[in-house]
Amino acid sequence: MDDVKDSVKELVQKLKTERDELQVQLKLSSMEFRDHWEAAEVKWNHLEQKVSDLSHESAEATRSVAHELAEMYRNMRNIIKR
């Protein structure tokens, strides 16, 4: 279980870095990007709660939320590149 928890925590740290970078882009963004950002923030808050409760919840479920969030961030990066 510790390996899974460590891998989830590492994934969350990478997502935090990406989130911080995207937050900078938010100031210069379009409405489409802002809509995506707001949806991702809901998911981010959900993920943070799951990580804080990781000892009580399945690490696999938390990893699933993290992967969904990573996909949302990839989509926002594509919007920025347009």
C-alpha atoms as a PDB file:
ATOM      1  CA  MET A   1       0.000   0.000   0.000  1.00  0.00           C
ATOM      2  CA  ASP A   2       2.881   2.409   0.735  1.00  0.00           C
ATOM      3  CA  ASP A   3       4.149   2.103  -2.850  1.00  0.00           C
ATOM      4  CA  VAL A   4       0.710   2.994  -4.168  1.00  0.00           C
ATOM      5  CA  LYS A   5       0.382   5.902  -1.755  1.00  0.00           C
ATOM      6  CA  ASP A   6       3.836   7.170  -2.701  1.00  0.00           C
ATOM      7  CA  SER A   7       3.044   6.918  -6.407  1.00  0.00           C
ATOM      8  CA  VAL A   8      -0.244   8.788  -5.915  1.00  0.00           C
ATOM      9  CA  LYS A   9       1.481  11.505  -3.895  1.00  0.00           C
ATOM     10  CA  GLU A  10       4.148  11.862  -6.615  1.00  0.00           C
ATOM     11  CA  LEU A  11       1.442  12.157  -9.277  1.00  0.00           C
ATOM     12  CA  VAL A  12      -0.385  14.779  -7.212  1.00  0.00           C
ATOM     13  CA  GLN A  13       2.840  16.792  -6.832  1.00  0.00           C
ATOM     14  CA  LYS A  14       3.320  16.788 -10.620  1.00  0.00           C
ATOM     15  CA  LEU A  15      -0.283  17.904 -11.062  1.00  0.00           C
ATOM     16  CA  LYS A  16       0.251  20.709  -8.532  1.00  0.00           C
ATOM     17  CA  THR A  17       3.200  21.985 -10.557  1.00  0.00           C
ATOM     18  CA  GLU A  18       1.172  21.865 -13.763  1.00  0.00           C
ATOM     19  CA  ARG A  19      -1.757  23.550 -12.008  1.00  0.00           C
ATOM     20  CA  ASP A  20       0.503  26.370 -10.813  1.00  0.00           C
ATOM     21  CA  GLU A  21       1.790  26.923 -14.368  1.00  0.00           C
ATOM     22  CA  LEU A  22      -1.733  26.936 -15.778  1.00  0.00           C
ATOM     23  CA  GLN A  23      -2.836  29.401 -13.122  1.00  0.00           C
ATOM     24  CA  VAL A  24      -0.335  31.897 -14.547  1.00  0.00           C
ATOM     25  CA  GLN A  25      -1.840  31.372 -18.020  1.00  0.00           C
ATOM     26  CA  LEU A  26      -5.338  31.970 -16.617  1.00  0.00           C
ATOM     27  CA  LYS A  27      -4.711  35.715 -16.409  1.00  0.00           C
ATOM     28  CA  LEU A  28      -4.206  35.854 -20.182  1.00  0.00           C
ATOM     29  CA  SER A  29      -6.817  33.325 -21.160  1.00  0.00           C
ATOM     30  CA  SER A  30     -10.005  33.081 -23.148  1.00  0.00           C
ATOM     31  CA  MET A  31     -13.455  32.354 -21.735  1.00  0.00           C
ATOM     32  CA  GLU A  32     -13.187  28.777 -23.049  1.00  0.00           C
ATOM     33  CA  PHE A  33     -10.025  28.280 -20.990  1.00  0.00           C
ATOM     34  CA  ARG A  34     -11.671  29.818 -17.927  1.00  0.00           C
ATOM     35  CA  ASP A  35     -14.601  27.396 -18.205  1.00  0.00           C
ATOM     36  CA  HIS A  36     -12.168  24.473 -18.331  1.00  0.00           C
ATOM     37  CA  TRP A  37     -10.223  25.930 -15.415  1.00  0.00           C
ATOM     38  CA  GLU A  38     -13.302  26.164 -13.219  1.00  0.00           C
ATOM     39  CA  ALA A  39     -14.223  22.521 -13.935  1.00  0.00           C
ATOM     40  CA  ALA A  40     -10.645  21.432 -13.207  1.00  0.00           C
ATOM     41  CA  GLU A  41     -10.625  23.342  -9.917  1.00  0.00           C
ATOM     42  CA  VAL A  42     -13.648  21.355  -8.738  1.00  0.00           C
ATOM     43  CA  LYS A  43     -11.761  18.163  -9.609  1.00  0.00           C
ATOM     44  CA  TRP A  44      -8.583  19.503  -7.906  1.00  0.00           C
ATOM     45  CA  ASN A  45     -10.460  20.156  -4.662  1.00  0.00           C
ATOM     46  CA  HIS A  46     -11.901  16.644  -4.844  1.00  0.00           C
ATOM     47  CA  LEU A  47      -8.407  15.216  -5.387  1.00  0.00           C
ATOM     48  CA  GLU A  48      -6.915  17.153  -2.475  1.00  0.00           C
ATOM     49  CA  GLN A  49      -9.633  15.775  -0.205  1.00  0.00           C
ATOM     50  CA  LYS A  50      -8.973  12.218  -1.392  1.00  0.00           C
ATOM     51  CA  VAL A  51      -5.222  12.594  -0.806  1.00  0.00           C
ATOM     52  CA  SER A  52      -5.787  13.909   2.705  1.00  0.00           C
ATOM     53  CA  ASP A  53      -8.066  10.921   3.383  1.00  0.00           C
ATOM     54  CA  LEU A  54      -5.810   8.439   1.573  1.00  0.00           C
ATOM     55  CA  SER A  55      -5.411   6.249   4.613  1.00  0.00           C
ATOM     56  CA  HIS A  56      -9.194   5.871   4.691  1.00  0.00           C
ATOM     57  CA  GLU A  57      -9.916   5.557   0.984  1.00  0.00           C
ATOM     58  CA  SER A  58      -8.669   3.475  -1.839  1.00  0.00           C
ATOM     59  CA  ALA A  59      -5.473   4.772  -3.383  1.00  0.00           C
ATOM     60  CA  GLU A  60      -6.669   3.433  -6.748  1.00  0.00           C
ATOM     61  CA  ALA A  61      -9.766   5.645  -6.653  1.00  0.00           C
ATOM     62  CA  THR A  62      -7.554   8.626  -5.867  1.00  0.00           C
ATOM     63  CA  ARG A  63      -5.240   7.750  -8.734  1.00  0.00           C
ATOM     64  CA  SER A  64      -8.259   7.651 -11.064  1.00  0.00           C
ATOM     65  CA  VAL A  65      -9.262  11.195 -10.079  1.00  0.00           C
ATOM     66  CA  ALA A  66      -5.658  12.328 -10.576  1.00  0.00           C
ATOM     67  CA  HIS A  67      -5.592  10.882 -14.095  1.00  0.00           C
ATOM     68  CA  GLU A  68      -8.882  12.618 -14.944  1.00  0.00           C
ATOM     69  CA  LEU A  69      -7.378  15.882 -13.735  1.00  0.00           C
ATOM     70  CA  ALA A  70      -4.218  15.313 -15.772  1.00  0.00           C
ATOM     71  CA  GLU A  71      -6.387  14.890 -18.878  1.00  0.00           C
ATOM     72  CA  MET A  72      -8.223  18.138 -18.076  1.00  0.00           C
ATOM     73  CA  TYR A  73      -4.875  19.936 -17.765  1.00  0.00           C
ATOM     74  CA  ARG A  74      -3.706  18.488 -21.106  1.00  0.00           C
ATOM     75  CA  ASN A  75      -6.873  19.798 -22.728  1.00  0.00           C
ATOM     76  CA  MET A  76      -6.254  23.257 -21.275  1.00  0.00           C
ATOM     77  CA  ARG A  77      -2.657  23.213 -22.559  1.00  0.00           C
ATOM     78  CA  ASN A  78      -4.074  22.488 -26.036  1.00  0.00           C
ATOM     79  CA  ILE A  79      -6.398  25.487 -25.744  1.00  0.00           C
ATOM     80  CA  ILE A  80      -3.451  27.719 -24.805  1.00  0.00           C
ATOM     81  CA  LYS A  81      -1.444  26.489 -27.825  1.00  0.00           C
ATOM     82  CA  ARG A  82      -4.181  27.429 -30.302  1.00  0.00           C
END
